[in-house]
Amino acid sequence: MEKRQPVVAAIDIGTTKIVCLVGRKNDTGQIEILALSKAPSTGVKRGVVLNIEETVNALQKTVEEVQLKSSVIFEEVYVGIAGQHIRSIRNRGYINRDSDDEEIKKRDIMRLIDDMSKIPIDVGEEIIHVLPQNFIVDNETGVKNPVGMSGRRLEANFHIVIGKVASAKNIEKCVNRINLRIKDLILEPLASSAAVLTDDEKEAGVALVDIGGGTTDIAVYYDNVIRHTAVIPFGGNVITKDIKEGCAILNRHAELLKTRYGSALGDFAPEDKVVTIPGISGREPKEISFKSLAYIIQSRMEEIIEAVMYEIDNSGVADKLAAGIVITGGGARLRHLPQLIKYKTGYDVRIGYPSEHLGGEMEDEINQPMYATAVGLVLKGMEYDNNTTIKQGKEETVKEVQESSDEMPEEEDNRGKNKIFERVKTALEEMFSEKGTEM
């Protein structure tokens, strides 16, 4: 059977929208999105599923539309996870090896990662990601990849992302109700980072700020290492709410005002322009000045920026972010927002578009900040994916995983796949490639 590039399906369950897309790599190595669908999200608040039925209905609609458009019937998806329950910690682990003559192998690093996956955490929580930052080999610090080195004691600093089990179970329940399985849960700021940040930015030091409807996600990189992640439990929706209450108008009119006429800098808004909003149930229409609208938006955005700066300061590398801040997500489209953030923080600011890895006919449609997380989920899924089954028409293509001599029994393997937080270790294969060294 002719080999095809594996297709990856991803779902971004956001507070304001649910996005489903499928993509694969084209001949040039870029991501070609085969189909995209989005639907309003009404069952999610601040990144957490609160209404199963409404979320399932939106998921069903988007998945069916994507499968129809792409002619790909998929059974497994990569799904993003965020929400105010997400937290991250730093930890250090070590192992003592039998001999310092034998080279450090990839399995030694996996032992360290497995140990970090067993650290004690609060009841009702589970570890989502274990991300190595740097290694120490026999007191030699600053080692990025110890594979092939000699040493008896191997240590590592880790960035560990933790989330509530109940929130993940609710996501899993929604996906299972539409006859799909979650192949992996991926922290949304990590997915967005993969889509919009360049390698140079990660090396120089950069903070990714993804401003969604219900949350603002943050990921801080320095020296090509993830230093900090955080989820702030408010985003664009609180701005809409402020406009609604400040102007005494309907929520849909407030959202329209924000996106069409809003500005993040009151001083930049014209003095003499007003917009007329229809009155409620036949009442007199209201006139709202552009400047008043801008000052409402600026006030709330300054609060969000303060929360972002608090998290950047907690990263420990706030003074090393040579590439500044990259903003993405639906909130990044707010007029004059980059100027406000630069004024308040002193960092260089740019808007992040998922264009770095995109190609194909849908590139222009997908290349918007609001799709950064969804595109990133496809990218991360392709990294993780070593055993994807798709059905295209009546044919089935299976990307075989090379069997290893120490492969676990089939029953145990299946149980592992069904665990919602089971980390796919192959995501670290490239990072710690042994370049042909035998395990």
Protein backbone atom coordinates (compact mmCIF):
# COMPACT_ATOMS: atom_id res chain seq x y z
CA MET A 1 0.00 0.00 0.00
CA GLU A 2 1.31 3.47 -0.86
CA LYS A 3 2.48 5.35 2.22
CA ARG A 4 0.70 8.57 3.08
CA GLN A 5 1.75 11.35 5.40
CA PRO A 6 0.00 10.79 8.75
CA VAL A 7 -2.99 13.03 9.40
CA VAL A 8 -3.36 14.65 12.83
CA ALA A 9 -6.66 15.90 14.22
CA ALA A 10 -6.82 18.51 16.99
CA ILE A 11 -9.52 20.27 19.00
CA ASP A 12 -9.15 23.58 20.80
CA ILE A 13 -11.90 23.84 23.41
CA GLY A 14 -11.98 27.53 24.23
CA THR A 15 -14.25 29.79 26.25
CA THR A 16 -15.67 31.61 23.23
CA LYS A 17 -15.15 29.09 20.43
CA ILE A 18 -14.39 25.45 19.73
CA VAL A 19 -12.05 24.83 16.80
CA CYS A 20 -11.45 21.48 15.13
CA LEU A 21 -8.95 20.95 12.34
CA VAL A 22 -6.98 18.22 10.62
CA GLY A 23 -3.59 18.65 9.05
CA ARG A 24 -0.56 16.84 7.72
CA LYS A 25 2.93 17.69 6.55
CA ASN A 26 3.35 18.43 2.86
CA ASP A 27 6.36 17.64 0.71
CA THR A 28 8.18 20.79 1.87
CA GLY A 29 7.77 19.91 5.56
CA GLN A 30 5.15 22.58 6.22
CA ILE A 31 1.79 21.94 7.87
CA GLU A 32 -1.07 21.71 5.39
CA ILE A 33 -4.47 22.18 7.03
CA LEU A 34 -6.98 19.98 5.22
CA ALA A 35 -10.11 21.33 6.90
CA LEU A 36 -11.16 23.70 9.66
CA SER A 37 -14.40 24.21 11.52
CA LYS A 38 -15.36 26.38 14.47
CA ALA A 39 -18.48 26.79 16.56
CA PRO A 40 -19.47 29.11 19.42
CA SER A 41 -18.56 27.72 22.83
CA THR A 42 -21.26 28.19 25.44
CA GLY A 43 -20.47 25.39 27.88
CA VAL A 44 -16.97 26.51 28.86
CA LYS A 45 -15.98 29.19 31.37
CA ARG A 46 -12.39 30.30 31.91
CA GLY A 47 -11.10 27.29 30.03
CA VAL A 48 -13.06 24.77 32.15
CA VAL A 49 -16.01 22.70 30.87
CA LEU A 50 -19.07 23.52 32.98
CA ASN A 51 -21.87 22.30 30.70
CA ILE A 52 -21.27 18.87 29.18
CA GLU A 53 -24.28 18.87 26.84
CA GLU A 54 -23.58 22.26 25.26
CA THR A 55 -19.91 21.42 24.81
CA VAL A 56 -20.72 18.04 23.26
CA ASN A 57 -23.13 19.67 20.79
CA ALA A 58 -20.51 22.17 19.66
CA LEU A 59 -17.87 19.45 19.39
CA GLN A 60 -20.21 17.25 17.35
CA LYS A 61 -20.90 20.05 14.90
CA THR A 62 -17.26 20.98 14.34
CA VAL A 63 -15.99 17.40 14.07
CA GLU A 64 -18.67 16.36 11.57
CA GLU A 65 -17.98 19.43 9.44
CA VAL A 66 -14.22 18.80 9.42
CA GLN A 67 -14.65 15.13 8.52
CA LEU A 68 -17.02 16.07 5.70
CA LYS A 69 -14.71 18.75 4.30
CA SER A 70 -11.53 16.68 4.51
CA SER A 71 -12.95 13.20 3.71
CA VAL A 72 -10.91 11.96 6.68
CA ILE A 73 -12.60 9.92 9.40
CA PHE A 74 -10.41 10.12 12.50
CA GLU A 75 -10.81 8.29 15.78
CA GLU A 76 -8.22 10.01 17.97
CA VAL A 77 -7.56 13.70 18.61
CA TYR A 78 -5.11 15.92 20.43
CA VAL A 79 -6.87 18.33 22.75
CA GLY A 80 -5.67 21.47 24.51
CA ILE A 81 -6.07 22.03 28.23
CA ALA A 82 -5.95 25.33 30.12
CA GLY A 83 -8.02 26.94 32.86
CA GLN A 84 -7.37 28.56 36.20
CA HIS A 85 -6.70 25.17 37.80
CA ILE A 86 -3.41 24.84 35.89
CA ARG A 87 -0.25 25.48 37.91
CA SER A 88 3.43 24.79 37.43
CA ILE A 89 6.31 24.00 39.76
CA ARG A 90 10.05 23.55 39.49
CA ASN A 91 11.76 20.46 40.81
CA ARG A 92 15.14 18.74 40.67
CA GLY A 93 15.77 15.02 40.45
CA TYR A 94 18.82 12.80 40.23
CA ILE A 95 19.92 9.23 39.68
CA ASN A 96 23.19 7.51 40.56
CA ARG A 97 24.49 5.29 37.80
CA ASP A 98 26.41 2.05 38.29
CA SER A 99 29.51 3.15 36.43
CA ASP A 100 30.94 6.43 35.20
CA ASP A 101 32.69 4.62 32.35
CA GLU A 102 29.43 3.75 30.59
CA GLU A 103 27.94 6.55 28.48
CA ILE A 104 24.69 8.17 29.55
CA LYS A 105 21.81 6.71 27.56
CA LYS A 106 18.38 7.94 26.67
CA ARG A 107 16.92 5.44 29.13
CA ASP A 108 18.72 7.24 31.99
CA ILE A 109 16.86 10.45 31.11
CA MET A 110 13.60 8.52 30.91
CA ARG A 111 14.25 7.19 34.43
CA LEU A 112 14.58 10.75 35.67
CA ILE A 113 11.37 11.79 33.92
CA ASP A 114 9.52 8.79 35.34
CA ASP A 115 10.71 9.73 38.82
CA MET A 116 9.38 13.28 38.38
CA SER A 117 6.01 11.85 37.31
CA LYS A 118 5.71 10.26 40.76
CA ILE A 119 6.33 13.30 42.96
CA PRO A 120 3.63 13.98 45.60
CA ILE A 121 0.97 16.50 44.57
CA ASP A 122 -2.35 17.63 46.03
CA VAL A 123 -5.36 15.34 46.10
CA GLY A 124 -7.42 15.68 42.93
CA GLU A 125 -4.46 16.78 40.82
CA GLU A 126 -2.35 15.00 38.27
CA ILE A 127 0.81 15.80 36.36
CA ILE A 128 0.26 16.89 32.75
CA HIS A 129 3.78 17.63 31.51
CA VAL A 130 7.30 16.93 32.80
CA LEU A 131 9.63 19.24 30.86
CA PRO A 132 13.42 18.98 31.38
CA GLN A 133 15.17 22.35 31.55
CA ASN A 134 18.84 21.50 31.98
CA PHE A 135 21.06 18.73 33.32
CA ILE A 136 23.98 18.36 35.72
CA VAL A 137 26.50 15.57 35.17
CA ASP A 138 28.86 14.99 38.13
CA ASN A 139 28.46 18.65 39.22
CA GLU A 140 29.04 19.90 35.68
CA THR A 141 26.15 22.36 35.23
CA GLY A 142 24.43 23.80 32.17
CA VAL A 143 24.29 20.55 30.17
CA LYS A 144 21.46 20.64 27.63
CA ASN A 145 21.78 17.08 26.32
CA PRO A 146 23.79 14.62 28.44
CA VAL A 147 23.37 11.64 26.10
CA GLY A 148 26.80 10.27 25.21
CA MET A 149 28.56 11.89 28.17
CA SER A 150 30.21 9.90 30.95
CA GLY A 151 29.30 10.38 34.57
CA ARG A 152 28.06 8.61 37.67
CA ARG A 153 25.49 11.13 38.96
CA LEU A 154 22.91 12.58 36.59
CA GLU A 155 20.71 15.44 37.81
CA ALA A 156 18.12 17.57 36.06
CA ASN A 157 15.94 20.60 36.70
CA PHE A 158 12.35 20.14 35.58
CA HIS A 159 9.37 22.33 34.83
CA ILE A 160 6.28 20.37 35.90
CA VAL A 161 2.74 21.32 34.83
CA ILE A 162 -0.10 20.16 37.09
CA GLY A 163 -3.86 20.24 36.54
CA LYS A 164 -7.09 19.10 38.14
CA VAL A 165 -8.11 15.55 37.33
CA ALA A 166 -11.80 16.48 37.30
CA SER A 167 -11.31 19.14 34.62
CA ALA A 168 -9.44 16.71 32.41
CA LYS A 169 -12.05 14.03 32.96
CA ASN A 170 -14.79 16.42 31.86
CA ILE A 171 -12.89 17.16 28.66
CA GLU A 172 -12.42 13.44 28.10
CA LYS A 173 -16.11 12.81 28.72
CA CYS A 174 -17.13 15.38 26.10
CA VAL A 175 -14.77 13.94 23.50
CA ASN A 176 -15.80 10.35 24.24
CA ARG A 177 -19.48 11.28 23.84
CA ILE A 178 -18.83 11.97 20.14
CA ASN A 179 -17.08 8.62 19.73
CA LEU A 180 -13.53 9.97 19.74
CA ARG A 181 -10.57 9.22 21.98
CA ILE A 182 -8.10 11.73 23.38
CA LYS A 183 -4.64 10.73 22.27
CA ASP A 184 -3.01 13.35 24.45
CA LEU A 185 -3.83 16.48 26.42
CA ILE A 186 -1.46 19.34 25.66
CA LEU A 187 -1.08 22.52 27.69
CA GLU A 188 -2.41 25.30 25.47
CA PRO A 189 0.38 27.88 25.97
CA LEU A 190 2.90 25.21 24.89
CA ALA A 191 0.84 24.56 21.77
CA SER A 192 0.55 28.27 20.95
CA SER A 193 4.30 28.66 21.47
CA ALA A 194 5.00 25.91 18.94
CA ALA A 195 2.85 27.72 16.38
CA VAL A 196 4.02 31.33 16.69
CA LEU A 197 7.48 31.50 18.30
CA THR A 198 10.71 31.17 16.35
CA ASP A 199 13.78 29.28 17.56
CA ASP A 200 15.71 32.56 17.69
CA GLU A 201 13.11 34.08 20.01
CA LYS A 202 13.19 31.09 22.33
CA GLU A 203 16.98 31.32 22.49
CA ALA A 204 17.09 35.08 23.06
CA GLY A 205 14.29 35.00 25.66
CA VAL A 206 10.62 35.62 25.00
CA ALA A 207 7.24 35.59 26.74
CA LEU A 208 4.30 34.20 24.80
CA VAL A 209 0.99 35.77 25.90
CA ASP A 210 -2.11 34.11 24.43
CA ILE A 211 -5.14 36.29 25.15
CA GLY A 212 -8.25 34.15 24.81
CA GLY A 213 -11.85 34.77 25.69
CA GLY A 214 -11.77 33.36 29.21
CA THR A 215 -8.08 32.97 30.04
CA THR A 216 -4.71 34.52 29.25
CA ASP A 217 -2.03 31.86 28.83
CA ILE A 218 1.65 32.56 29.37
CA ALA A 219 4.82 30.65 28.44
CA VAL A 220 8.28 32.07 29.08
CA TYR A 221 11.36 30.78 27.23
CA TYR A 222 15.04 31.56 27.62
CA ASP A 223 18.06 29.80 26.11
CA ASN A 224 15.68 27.45 24.24
CA VAL A 225 14.28 26.18 27.55
CA ILE A 226 10.77 26.59 28.93
CA ARG A 227 11.15 28.59 32.15
CA HIS A 228 7.59 29.29 33.25
CA THR A 229 3.97 28.62 32.33
CA ALA A 230 0.82 30.10 33.80
CA VAL A 231 -2.88 30.55 33.10
CA ILE A 232 -4.51 33.82 34.20
CA PRO A 233 -8.26 33.27 34.75
CA PHE A 234 -9.51 36.20 32.69
CA GLY A 235 -9.23 37.40 29.11
CA GLY A 236 -11.25 39.19 26.45
CA ASN A 237 -14.62 38.36 28.01
CA VAL A 238 -14.01 40.60 31.03
CA ILE A 239 -13.41 43.52 28.67
CA THR A 240 -16.72 42.80 26.94
CA LYS A 241 -18.42 42.63 30.33
CA ASP A 242 -16.96 46.00 31.36
CA ILE A 243 -18.25 47.60 28.14
CA LYS A 244 -21.66 46.03 28.65
CA GLU A 245 -21.97 47.34 32.21
CA GLY A 246 -20.26 50.67 31.61
CA CYS A 247 -22.44 51.52 28.63
CA ALA A 248 -25.60 49.68 29.81
CA ILE A 249 -25.97 47.74 26.56
CA LEU A 250 -26.45 44.10 25.52
CA ASN A 251 -23.53 41.69 25.58
CA ARG A 252 -23.58 41.10 21.81
CA HIS A 253 -23.45 44.86 21.19
CA ALA A 254 -20.56 45.17 23.65
CA GLU A 255 -18.59 42.47 21.84
CA LEU A 256 -19.24 44.15 18.49
CA LEU A 257 -18.11 47.51 19.87
CA LYS A 258 -14.90 45.98 21.22
CA THR A 259 -13.89 44.18 18.05
CA ARG A 260 -15.00 46.76 15.48
CA TYR A 261 -14.41 50.13 17.15
CA GLY A 262 -12.37 49.40 20.28
CA SER A 263 -8.85 50.57 21.06
CA ALA A 264 -6.49 49.71 23.92
CA LEU A 265 -5.25 53.31 24.15
CA GLY A 266 -7.73 56.01 25.10
CA ASP A 267 -5.41 58.81 24.01
CA PHE A 268 -5.35 57.40 20.46
CA ALA A 269 -9.14 57.36 20.11
CA PRO A 270 -10.75 60.22 18.15
CA GLU A 271 -12.51 62.88 20.22
CA ASP A 272 -15.41 63.53 17.87
CA LYS A 273 -16.50 60.06 16.78
CA VAL A 274 -19.47 58.22 18.25
CA VAL A 275 -21.26 54.98 17.45
CA THR A 276 -25.01 54.49 17.81
CA ILE A 277 -26.28 51.33 19.52
CA PRO A 278 -29.94 50.25 19.11
CA GLY A 279 -32.03 50.65 22.23
CA ILE A 280 -33.29 47.61 24.13
CA SER A 281 -36.85 46.58 23.20
CA GLY A 282 -37.74 49.77 21.36
CA ARG A 283 -36.03 52.20 23.75
CA GLU A 284 -34.06 55.18 22.50
CA PRO A 285 -30.73 54.31 20.81
CA LYS A 286 -27.51 55.13 22.66
CA GLU A 287 -24.54 57.07 21.43
CA ILE A 288 -21.17 55.92 22.73
CA SER A 289 -18.00 57.88 22.05
CA PHE A 290 -14.92 56.10 20.73
CA LYS A 291 -12.80 57.73 23.45
CA SER A 292 -15.03 56.53 26.33
CA LEU A 293 -15.01 53.05 24.84
CA ALA A 294 -11.21 53.07 24.55
CA TYR A 295 -10.70 54.15 28.16
CA ILE A 296 -12.94 51.31 29.40
CA ILE A 297 -10.88 48.82 27.38
CA GLN A 298 -7.55 50.33 28.42
CA SER A 299 -8.41 50.17 32.12
CA ARG A 300 -9.12 46.43 32.01
CA MET A 301 -6.20 45.66 29.69
CA GLU A 302 -3.83 47.34 32.13
CA GLU A 303 -5.03 44.95 34.84
CA ILE A 304 -4.38 41.97 32.57
CA ILE A 305 -0.91 43.32 31.71
CA GLU A 306 -0.12 43.66 35.43
CA ALA A 307 -1.06 39.99 35.96
CA VAL A 308 1.10 39.01 32.97
CA MET A 309 4.07 40.95 34.36
CA TYR A 310 3.64 39.25 37.73
CA GLU A 311 4.00 35.86 36.03
CA ILE A 312 6.96 37.02 33.93
CA ASP A 313 8.69 38.22 37.11
CA ASN A 314 8.04 34.79 38.65
CA SER A 315 9.86 33.15 35.74
CA GLY A 316 13.21 34.32 37.08
CA VAL A 317 14.32 35.52 33.63
CA ALA A 318 12.36 38.78 33.35
CA ASP A 319 15.57 40.73 32.76
CA LYS A 320 16.75 38.38 30.00
CA LEU A 321 13.87 38.54 27.52
CA ALA A 322 15.71 40.09 24.58
CA ALA A 323 12.88 39.15 22.20
CA GLY A 324 10.29 40.74 24.49
CA ILE A 325 6.64 39.67 24.34
CA VAL A 326 4.70 37.95 21.57
CA ILE A 327 0.92 38.29 21.87
CA THR A 328 -1.48 35.94 20.13
CA GLY A 329 -5.02 34.60 20.51
CA GLY A 330 -8.24 36.38 19.61
CA GLY A 331 -7.49 39.23 22.03
CA ALA A 332 -4.31 40.12 20.14
CA ARG A 333 -6.43 41.70 17.39
CA LEU A 334 -7.43 44.57 19.68
CA ARG A 335 -6.33 47.84 18.09
CA HIS A 336 -3.23 49.52 19.63
CA LEU A 337 -2.69 46.66 22.08
CA PRO A 338 1.00 46.15 21.17
CA GLN A 339 1.65 49.85 21.82
CA LEU A 340 -0.06 49.68 25.24
CA ILE A 341 1.88 46.57 26.30
CA LYS A 342 5.19 48.10 25.17
CA TYR A 343 4.39 51.31 27.07
CA LYS A 344 3.46 49.45 30.27
CA THR A 345 6.22 46.81 30.24
CA GLY A 346 9.13 48.28 28.29
CA TYR A 347 9.45 45.10 26.22
CA ASP A 348 9.39 44.89 22.46
CA VAL A 349 6.03 43.48 21.35
CA ARG A 350 4.80 41.78 18.20
CA ILE A 351 1.63 39.94 17.24
CA GLY A 352 2.16 36.20 16.77
CA TYR A 353 0.70 34.55 13.68
CA PRO A 354 0.89 30.77 13.11
CA SER A 355 2.51 31.33 9.71
CA GLU A 356 5.93 29.91 10.59
CA HIS A 357 4.96 26.33 9.77
CA LEU A 358 1.87 26.76 7.57
CA GLY A 359 1.50 25.99 3.90
CA GLY A 360 -1.18 24.84 1.47
CA GLU A 361 -4.39 26.33 0.12
CA MET A 362 -5.85 27.30 3.51
CA GLU A 363 -2.78 29.15 4.73
CA ASP A 364 -4.32 32.62 4.46
CA GLU A 365 -7.54 31.56 6.21
CA ILE A 366 -5.72 29.83 9.08
CA ASN A 367 -3.00 32.44 9.55
CA GLN A 368 -4.77 34.38 12.29
CA PRO A 369 -3.85 34.78 15.98
CA MET A 370 -7.14 33.18 17.06
CA TYR A 371 -6.04 29.86 15.51
CA ALA A 372 -2.57 29.78 17.08
CA THR A 373 -3.52 27.20 19.71
CA ALA A 374 -5.31 24.91 17.25
CA VAL A 375 -2.39 24.97 14.79
CA GLY A 376 0.01 24.40 17.68
CA LEU A 377 -1.96 21.34 18.79
CA VAL A 378 -1.50 19.86 15.32
CA LEU A 379 2.23 20.61 15.45
CA LYS A 380 2.65 19.08 18.90
CA GLY A 381 0.51 16.14 17.84
CA MET A 382 2.85 15.47 14.93
CA GLU A 383 5.76 15.48 17.35
CA TYR A 384 4.04 13.05 19.69
CA ASP A 385 2.47 10.89 17.07
CA ASN A 386 4.07 7.50 16.42
CA ASN A 387 1.00 5.38 15.97
CA THR A 388 -1.90 7.14 14.27
CA THR A 389 -4.73 5.33 12.52
CA ILE A 390 -6.85 7.19 10.00
CA LYS A 391 -9.47 6.14 7.54
CA GLN A 392 -9.44 7.97 4.24
CA GLY A 393 -12.30 6.91 1.99
CA LYS A 394 -12.34 3.11 2.29
CA GLU A 395 -8.59 2.70 2.83
CA GLU A 396 -6.85 2.60 6.18
CA THR A 397 -3.32 3.79 6.70
CA VAL A 398 -1.36 2.82 9.78
CA LYS A 399 1.96 4.31 10.71
CA GLU A 400 3.71 1.40 12.38
CA VAL A 401 5.73 1.87 15.54
CA GLN A 402 8.97 -0.03 15.56
CA GLU A 403 8.76 -2.77 18.15
CA SER A 404 11.40 -2.82 20.85
CA SER A 405 12.61 -5.84 22.77
CA ASP A 406 11.35 -4.41 26.06
CA GLU A 407 7.88 -3.53 24.76
CA MET A 408 5.18 -3.83 27.39
CA PRO A 409 2.45 -6.49 27.03
CA GLU A 410 -0.52 -5.50 24.90
CA GLU A 411 -3.03 -5.33 27.80
CA GLU A 412 -0.79 -3.09 29.86
CA ASP A 413 -0.07 -0.90 26.85
CA ASN A 414 -3.77 -0.41 26.17
CA ARG A 415 -4.39 0.56 29.77
CA GLY A 416 -1.63 3.12 29.51
CA LYS A 417 -3.11 4.67 26.40
CA ASN A 418 -6.44 5.11 28.12
CA LYS A 419 -4.97 7.12 31.00
CA ILE A 420 -5.85 10.72 30.34
CA PHE A 421 -2.50 12.09 31.49
CA GLU A 422 -0.21 9.35 30.11
CA ARG A 423 2.72 11.20 28.61
CA VAL A 424 3.86 10.03 25.23
CA LYS A 425 7.58 9.63 25.74
CA THR A 426 8.37 9.81 22.07
CA ALA A 427 7.85 13.57 22.33
CA LEU A 428 11.34 13.67 23.83
CA GLU A 429 12.98 11.38 21.28
CA GLU A 430 14.38 14.13 19.10
CA MET A 431 15.44 16.26 22.07
CA PHE A 432 17.65 13.50 23.41
CA SER A 433 18.56 11.62 20.25
CA GLU A 434 21.50 9.31 20.75
CA LYS A 435 22.66 9.70 17.16
CA GLY A 436 22.93 6.00 16.55
CA THR A 437 24.16 4.99 20.00
CA GLU A 438 22.82 1.62 21.14
CA MET A 439 20.59 1.73 24.21
